[in-house]
Amino acid sequence: MQPVPEVGDLVRDTATGRVGFFVRSASGRFLIRAVHGGAEWDAEPGDVQLATPLRELRARAAEINARSRRGLN
């Protein structure tokens, strides 16, 4: 069994291929926030793994770029 990610960890939902930030665990499922904002989704804990360093770098750069486009610096 994999450990529960920490709040803010970048994770990958292997069932969907989506990458997002771990928000919390509730009712036996993980809640994940999309990197670019938008709707959160829930995932089975067994389908969630920490993102690789390269995937994390890409996701964090995408988040910074999205925030910049919205004028949030």
PDB file of N, CA and C in Angstrom:
ATOM      1  N   MET A   1       0.839  -1.188   0.000  1.00  0.00           N
ATOM      2  CA  MET A   1       0.000   0.000   0.000  1.00  0.00           C
ATOM      3  C   MET A   1       0.882   1.249   0.000  1.00  0.00           C
ATOM      4  N   GLN A   2       0.573   2.173  -0.902  1.00  0.00           N
ATOM      5  CA  GLN A   2       1.342   3.406  -1.001  1.00  0.00           C
ATOM      6  C   GLN A   2       0.929   4.363   0.113  1.00  0.00           C
ATOM      7  N   PRO A   3       1.868   5.181   0.586  1.00  0.00           N
ATOM      8  CA  PRO A   3       1.510   6.166   1.610  1.00  0.00           C
ATOM      9  C   PRO A   3       0.598   7.244   1.032  1.00  0.00           C
ATOM     10  N   VAL A   4      -0.192   7.862   1.880  1.00  0.00           N
ATOM     11  CA  VAL A   4      -1.059   8.961   1.452  1.00  0.00           C
ATOM     12  C   VAL A   4      -0.179  10.156   1.115  1.00  0.00           C
ATOM     13  N   PRO A   5      -0.395  10.769  -0.051  1.00  0.00           N
ATOM     14  CA  PRO A   5       0.396  11.963  -0.388  1.00  0.00           C
ATOM     15  C   PRO A   5       0.122  13.078   0.613  1.00  0.00           C
ATOM     16  N   GLU A   6       1.030  14.033   0.672  1.00  0.00           N
ATOM     17  CA  GLU A   6       0.834  15.201   1.519  1.00  0.00           C
ATOM     18  C   GLU A   6       0.075  16.253   0.715  1.00  0.00           C
ATOM     19  N   VAL A   7      -0.667  17.106   1.424  1.00  0.00           N
ATOM     20  CA  VAL A   7      -1.411  18.177   0.772  1.00  0.00           C
ATOM     21  C   VAL A   7      -0.441  18.996  -0.083  1.00  0.00           C
ATOM     22  N   GLY A   8      -0.812  19.217  -1.336  1.00  0.00           N
ATOM     23  CA  GLY A   8       0.026  19.986  -2.255  1.00  0.00           C
ATOM     24  C   GLY A   8       0.954  19.150  -3.113  1.00  0.00           C
ATOM     25  N   ASP A   9       1.109  17.858  -2.787  1.00  0.00           N
ATOM     26  CA  ASP A   9       1.940  16.984  -3.626  1.00  0.00           C
ATOM     27  C   ASP A   9       1.315  16.862  -5.009  1.00  0.00           C
ATOM     28  N   LEU A  10       2.159  16.870  -6.011  1.00  0.00           N
ATOM     29  CA  LEU A  10       1.681  16.651  -7.367  1.00  0.00           C
ATOM     30  C   LEU A  10       1.557  15.148  -7.578  1.00  0.00           C
ATOM     31  N   VAL A  11       0.392  14.726  -8.034  1.00  0.00           N
ATOM     32  CA  VAL A  11       0.125  13.307  -8.213  1.00  0.00           C
ATOM     33  C   VAL A  11      -0.449  13.048  -9.602  1.00  0.00           C
ATOM     34  N   ARG A  12      -0.383  11.791  -9.991  1.00  0.00           N
ATOM     35  CA  ARG A  12      -0.948  11.361 -11.273  1.00  0.00           C
ATOM     36  C   ARG A  12      -2.017  10.318 -10.991  1.00  0.00           C
ATOM     37  N   ASP A  13      -3.180  10.533 -11.582  1.00  0.00           N
ATOM     38  CA  ASP A  13      -4.282   9.573 -11.500  1.00  0.00           C
ATOM     39  C   ASP A  13      -4.090   8.622 -12.676  1.00  0.00           C
ATOM     40  N   THR A  14      -3.604   7.422 -12.400  1.00  0.00           N
ATOM     41  CA  THR A  14      -3.279   6.489 -13.483  1.00  0.00           C
ATOM     42  C   THR A  14      -4.522   5.989 -14.218  1.00  0.00           C
ATOM     43  N   ALA A  15      -5.688   6.085 -13.598  1.00  0.00           N
ATOM     44  CA  ALA A  15      -6.924   5.649 -14.258  1.00  0.00           C
ATOM     45  C   ALA A  15      -7.310   6.596 -15.383  1.00  0.00           C
ATOM     46  N   THR A  16      -6.983   7.876 -15.228  1.00  0.00           N
ATOM     47  CA  THR A  16      -7.365   8.869 -16.238  1.00  0.00           C
ATOM     48  C   THR A  16      -6.169   9.493 -16.943  1.00  0.00           C
ATOM     49  N   GLY A  17      -4.978   9.379 -16.335  1.00  0.00           N
ATOM     50  CA  GLY A  17      -3.783  10.010 -16.888  1.00  0.00           C
ATOM     51  C   GLY A  17      -3.655  11.473 -16.495  1.00  0.00           C
ATOM     52  N   ARG A  18      -4.609  11.977 -15.720  1.00  0.00           N
ATOM     53  CA  ARG A  18      -4.584  13.381 -15.321  1.00  0.00           C
ATOM     54  C   ARG A  18      -3.582  13.604 -14.192  1.00  0.00           C
ATOM     55  N   VAL A  19      -3.042  14.822 -14.154  1.00  0.00           N
ATOM     56  CA  VAL A  19      -2.089  15.216 -13.125  1.00  0.00           C
ATOM     57  C   VAL A  19      -2.682  16.389 -12.361  1.00  0.00           C
ATOM     58  N   GLY A  20      -2.543  16.353 -11.044  1.00  0.00           N
ATOM     59  CA  GLY A  20      -3.069  17.448 -10.239  1.00  0.00           C
ATOM     60  C   GLY A  20      -2.440  17.448  -8.861  1.00  0.00           C
ATOM     61  N   PHE A  21      -2.899  18.371  -8.026  1.00  0.00           N
ATOM     62  CA  PHE A  21      -2.377  18.520  -6.679  1.00  0.00           C
ATOM     63  C   PHE A  21      -3.295  17.812  -5.692  1.00  0.00           C
ATOM     64  N   PHE A  22      -2.702  17.024  -4.819  1.00  0.00           N
ATOM     65  CA  PHE A  22      -3.473  16.309  -3.803  1.00  0.00           C
ATOM     66  C   PHE A  22      -4.072  17.315  -2.837  1.00  0.00           C
ATOM     67  N   VAL A  23      -5.389  17.196  -2.596  1.00  0.00           N
ATOM     68  CA  VAL A  23      -6.094  18.107  -1.694  1.00  0.00           C
ATOM     69  C   VAL A  23      -6.360  17.439  -0.356  1.00  0.00           C
ATOM     70  N   ARG A  24      -6.974  16.251  -0.389  1.00  0.00           N
ATOM     71  CA  ARG A  24      -7.271  15.542   0.856  1.00  0.00           C
ATOM     72  C   ARG A  24      -7.837  14.166   0.543  1.00  0.00           C
ATOM     73  N   SER A  25      -7.948  13.383   1.588  1.00  0.00           N
ATOM     74  CA  SER A  25      -8.568  12.070   1.505  1.00  0.00           C
ATOM     75  C   SER A  25      -9.923  12.168   2.195  1.00  0.00           C
ATOM     76  N   ALA A  26     -10.961  11.650   1.539  1.00  0.00           N
ATOM     77  CA  ALA A  26     -12.301  11.699   2.120  1.00  0.00           C
ATOM     78  C   ALA A  26     -13.090  10.484   1.673  1.00  0.00           C
ATOM     79  N   SER A  27     -13.718   9.841   2.615  1.00  0.00           N
ATOM     80  CA  SER A  27     -14.584   8.690   2.329  1.00  0.00           C
ATOM     81  C   SER A  27     -13.870   7.613   1.518  1.00  0.00           C
ATOM     82  N   GLY A  28     -12.595   7.416   1.820  1.00  0.00           N
ATOM     83  CA  GLY A  28     -11.836   6.374   1.139  1.00  0.00           C
ATOM     84  C   GLY A  28     -11.380   6.723  -0.266  1.00  0.00           C
ATOM     85  N   ARG A  29     -11.509   7.984  -0.661  1.00  0.00           N
ATOM     86  CA  ARG A  29     -11.074   8.425  -1.994  1.00  0.00           C
ATOM     87  C   ARG A  29     -10.160   9.635  -1.822  1.00  0.00           C
ATOM     88  N   PHE A  30      -9.378   9.914  -2.853  1.00  0.00           N
ATOM     89  CA  PHE A  30      -8.493  11.068  -2.847  1.00  0.00           C
ATOM     90  C   PHE A  30      -9.125  12.182  -3.679  1.00  0.00           C
ATOM     91  N   LEU A  31      -9.069  13.405  -3.182  1.00  0.00           N
ATOM     92  CA  LEU A  31      -9.535  14.566  -3.918  1.00  0.00           C
ATOM     93  C   LEU A  31      -8.314  15.257  -4.509  1.00  0.00           C
ATOM     94  N   ILE A  32      -8.384  15.525  -5.816  1.00  0.00           N
ATOM     95  CA  ILE A  32      -7.249  16.092  -6.549  1.00  0.00           C
ATOM     96  C   ILE A  32      -7.710  17.350  -7.271  1.00  0.00           C
ATOM     97  N   ARG A  33      -6.898  18.409  -7.201  1.00  0.00           N
ATOM     98  CA  ARG A  33      -7.200  19.673  -7.876  1.00  0.00           C
ATOM     99  C   ARG A  33      -6.402  19.737  -9.176  1.00  0.00           C
ATOM    100  N   ALA A  34      -7.071  20.076 -10.233  1.00  0.00           N
ATOM    101  CA  ALA A  34      -6.423  20.189 -11.535  1.00  0.00           C
ATOM    102  C   ALA A  34      -5.299  21.230 -11.484  1.00  0.00           C
ATOM    103  N   VAL A  35      -4.238  20.989 -12.204  1.00  0.00           N
ATOM    104  CA  VAL A  35      -3.080  21.880 -12.215  1.00  0.00           C
ATOM    105  C   VAL A  35      -3.459  23.276 -12.683  1.00  0.00           C
ATOM    106  N   HIS A  36      -4.286  23.370 -13.711  1.00  0.00           N
ATOM    107  CA  HIS A  36      -4.660  24.664 -14.281  1.00  0.00           C
ATOM    108  C   HIS A  36      -5.884  25.261 -13.606  1.00  0.00           C
ATOM    109  N   GLY A  37      -6.287  24.712 -12.484  1.00  0.00           N
ATOM    110  CA  GLY A  37      -7.506  25.170 -11.831  1.00  0.00           C
ATOM    111  C   GLY A  37      -8.694  24.392 -12.383  1.00  0.00           C
ATOM    112  N   GLY A  38      -9.842  24.872 -12.138  1.00  0.00           N
ATOM    113  CA  GLY A  38     -11.025  24.172 -12.616  1.00  0.00           C
ATOM    114  C   GLY A  38     -11.506  23.153 -11.603  1.00  0.00           C
ATOM    115  N   ALA A  39     -12.297  22.254 -12.080  1.00  0.00           N
ATOM    116  CA  ALA A  39     -12.961  21.293 -11.204  1.00  0.00           C
ATOM    117  C   ALA A  39     -11.981  20.301 -10.587  1.00  0.00           C
ATOM    118  N   GLU A  40     -12.229  19.998  -9.330  1.00  0.00           N
ATOM    119  CA  GLU A  40     -11.463  18.942  -8.659  1.00  0.00           C
ATOM    120  C   GLU A  40     -12.122  17.619  -9.007  1.00  0.00           C
ATOM    121  N   TRP A  41     -11.382  16.532  -8.852  1.00  0.00           N
ATOM    122  CA  TRP A  41     -11.964  15.218  -9.074  1.00  0.00           C
ATOM    123  C   TRP A  41     -11.497  14.273  -7.987  1.00  0.00           C
ATOM    124  N   ASP A  42     -12.241  13.183  -7.842  1.00  0.00           N
ATOM    125  CA  ASP A  42     -11.829  12.197  -6.853  1.00  0.00           C
ATOM    126  C   ASP A  42     -11.304  10.966  -7.564  1.00  0.00           C
ATOM    127  N   ALA A  43     -10.421  10.259  -6.892  1.00  0.00           N
ATOM    128  CA  ALA A  43      -9.766   9.097  -7.483  1.00  0.00           C
ATOM    129  C   ALA A  43      -9.603   8.006  -6.441  1.00  0.00           C
ATOM    130  N   GLU A  44      -9.525   6.791  -6.908  1.00  0.00           N
ATOM    131  CA  GLU A  44      -9.239   5.664  -6.036  1.00  0.00           C
ATOM    132  C   GLU A  44      -7.789   5.777  -5.573  1.00  0.00           C
ATOM    133  N   PRO A  45      -7.528   5.609  -4.294  1.00  0.00           N
ATOM    134  CA  PRO A  45      -6.148   5.711  -3.796  1.00  0.00           C
ATOM    135  C   PRO A  45      -5.168   4.790  -4.535  1.00  0.00           C
ATOM    136  N   GLY A  46      -5.602   3.611  -4.938  1.00  0.00           N
ATOM    137  CA  GLY A  46      -4.728   2.690  -5.648  1.00  0.00           C
ATOM    138  C   GLY A  46      -4.346   3.154  -7.039  1.00  0.00           C
ATOM    139  N   ASP A  47      -5.093   4.147  -7.572  1.00  0.00           N
ATOM    140  CA  ASP A  47      -4.817   4.688  -8.905  1.00  0.00           C
ATOM    141  C   ASP A  47      -3.951   5.938  -8.867  1.00  0.00           C
ATOM    142  N   VAL A  48      -3.576   6.376  -7.663  1.00  0.00           N
ATOM    143  CA  VAL A  48      -2.847   7.636  -7.520  1.00  0.00           C
ATOM    144  C   VAL A  48      -1.403   7.365  -7.128  1.00  0.00           C
ATOM    145  N   GLN A  49      -0.486   8.018  -7.847  1.00  0.00           N
ATOM    146  CA  GLN A  49       0.936   7.895  -7.527  1.00  0.00           C
ATOM    147  C   GLN A  49       1.576   9.277  -7.616  1.00  0.00           C
ATOM    148  N   LEU A  50       2.660   9.454  -6.880  1.00  0.00           N
ATOM    149  CA  LEU A  50       3.380  10.720  -6.961  1.00  0.00           C
ATOM    150  C   LEU A  50       3.893  10.917  -8.377  1.00  0.00           C
ATOM    151  N   ALA A  51       3.855  12.152  -8.836  1.00  0.00           N
ATOM    152  CA  ALA A  51       4.316  12.453 -10.189  1.00  0.00           C
ATOM    153  C   ALA A  51       5.842  12.355 -10.254  1.00  0.00           C
ATOM    154  N   THR A  52       6.337  12.001 -11.423  1.00  0.00           N
ATOM    155  CA  THR A  52       7.785  11.959 -11.632  1.00  0.00           C
ATOM    156  C   THR A  52       8.327  13.392 -11.614  1.00  0.00           C
ATOM    157  N   PRO A  53       9.612  13.562 -11.348  1.00  0.00           N
ATOM    158  CA  PRO A  53      10.176  14.928 -11.325  1.00  0.00           C
ATOM    159  C   PRO A  53       9.936  15.697 -12.632  1.00  0.00           C
ATOM    160  N   LEU A  54      10.062  15.047 -13.779  1.00  0.00           N
ATOM    161  CA  LEU A  54       9.845  15.733 -15.052  1.00  0.00           C
ATOM    162  C   LEU A  54       8.383  16.147 -15.190  1.00  0.00           C
ATOM    163  N   ARG A  55       7.468  15.259 -14.852  1.00  0.00           N
ATOM    164  CA  ARG A  55       6.046  15.587 -14.933  1.00  0.00           C
ATOM    165  C   ARG A  55       5.708  16.718 -13.968  1.00  0.00           C
ATOM    166  N   GLU A  56       6.341  16.703 -12.785  1.00  0.00           N
ATOM    167  CA  GLU A  56       6.094  17.765 -11.810  1.00  0.00           C
ATOM    168  C   GLU A  56       6.609  19.101 -12.334  1.00  0.00           C
ATOM    169  N   LEU A  57       7.783  19.108 -12.921  1.00  0.00           N
ATOM    170  CA  LEU A  57       8.336  20.341 -13.472  1.00  0.00           C
ATOM    171  C   LEU A  57       7.420  20.912 -14.551  1.00  0.00           C
ATOM    172  N   ARG A  58       6.955  20.066 -15.445  1.00  0.00           N
ATOM    173  CA  ARG A  58       6.049  20.519 -16.511  1.00  0.00           C
ATOM    174  C   ARG A  58       4.745  21.068 -15.945  1.00  0.00           C
ATOM    175  N   ALA A  59       4.184  20.376 -14.976  1.00  0.00           N
ATOM    176  CA  ALA A  59       2.912  20.803 -14.395  1.00  0.00           C
ATOM    177  C   ALA A  59       3.057  22.123 -13.650  1.00  0.00           C
ATOM    178  N   ARG A  60       4.135  22.266 -12.891  1.00  0.00           N
ATOM    179  CA  ARG A  60       4.318  23.512 -12.136  1.00  0.00           C
ATOM    180  C   ARG A  60       4.580  24.678 -13.086  1.00  0.00           C
ATOM    181  N   ALA A  61       5.314  24.445 -14.168  1.00  0.00           N
ATOM    182  CA  ALA A  61       5.538  25.499 -15.164  1.00  0.00           C
ATOM    183  C   ALA A  61       4.215  25.880 -15.832  1.00  0.00           C
ATOM    184  N   ALA A  62       3.392  24.900 -16.128  1.00  0.00           N
ATOM    185  CA  ALA A  62       2.082  25.164 -16.732  1.00  0.00           C
ATOM    186  C   ALA A  62       1.204  25.977 -15.789  1.00  0.00           C
ATOM    187  N   GLU A  63       1.271  25.660 -14.494  1.00  0.00           N
ATOM    188  CA  GLU A  63       0.467  26.405 -13.518  1.00  0.00           C
ATOM    189  C   GLU A  63       0.939  27.854 -13.442  1.00  0.00           C
ATOM    190  N   ILE A  64       2.251  28.070 -13.423  1.00  0.00           N
ATOM    191  CA  ILE A  64       2.794  29.433 -13.374  1.00  0.00           C
ATOM    192  C   ILE A  64       2.391  30.196 -14.622  1.00  0.00           C
ATOM    193  N   ASN A  65       2.465  29.573 -15.776  1.00  0.00           N
ATOM    194  CA  ASN A  65       2.081  30.229 -17.023  1.00  0.00           C
ATOM    195  C   ASN A  65       0.595  30.579 -17.023  1.00  0.00           C
ATOM    196  N   ALA A  66      -0.238  29.682 -16.529  1.00  0.00           N
ATOM    197  CA  ALA A  66      -1.681  29.939 -16.488  1.00  0.00           C
ATOM    198  C   ALA A  66      -1.987  31.112 -15.553  1.00  0.00           C
ATOM    199  N   ARG A  67      -1.321  31.136 -14.393  1.00  0.00           N
ATOM    200  CA  ARG A  67      -1.530  32.229 -13.447  1.00  0.00           C
ATOM    201  C   ARG A  67      -1.085  33.553 -14.064  1.00  0.00           C
ATOM    202  N   SER A  68       0.023  33.533 -14.799  1.00  0.00           N
ATOM    203  CA  SER A  68       0.539  34.749 -15.434  1.00  0.00           C
ATOM    204  C   SER A  68      -0.456  35.271 -16.482  1.00  0.00           C
ATOM    205  N   ARG A  69      -1.031  34.369 -17.252  1.00  0.00           N
ATOM    206  CA  ARG A  69      -2.005  34.769 -18.282  1.00  0.00           C
ATOM    207  C   ARG A  69      -3.245  35.395 -17.635  1.00  0.00           C
ATOM    208  N   ARG A  70      -3.586  34.957 -16.436  1.00  0.00           N
ATOM    209  CA  ARG A  70      -4.753  35.517 -15.725  1.00  0.00           C
ATOM    210  C   ARG A  70      -4.372  36.758 -14.919  1.00  0.00           C
ATOM    211  N   GLY A  71      -3.099  37.135 -14.954  1.00  0.00           N
ATOM    212  CA  GLY A  71      -2.648  38.318 -14.243  1.00  0.00           C
ATOM    213  C   GLY A  71      -2.516  38.115 -12.740  1.00  0.00           C
ATOM    214  N   LEU A  72      -2.275  36.868 -12.307  1.00  0.00           N
ATOM    215  CA  LEU A  72      -2.178  36.576 -10.884  1.00  0.00           C
ATOM    216  C   LEU A  72      -0.752  36.498 -10.380  1.00  0.00           C
ATOM    217  N   ASN A  73       0.208  36.618 -11.269  1.00  0.00           N
ATOM    218  CA  ASN A  73       1.631  36.521 -10.935  1.00  0.00           C
ATOM    219  C   ASN A  73       1.849  35.456  -9.938  1.00  0.00           C
TER     220      ASN A  73
END
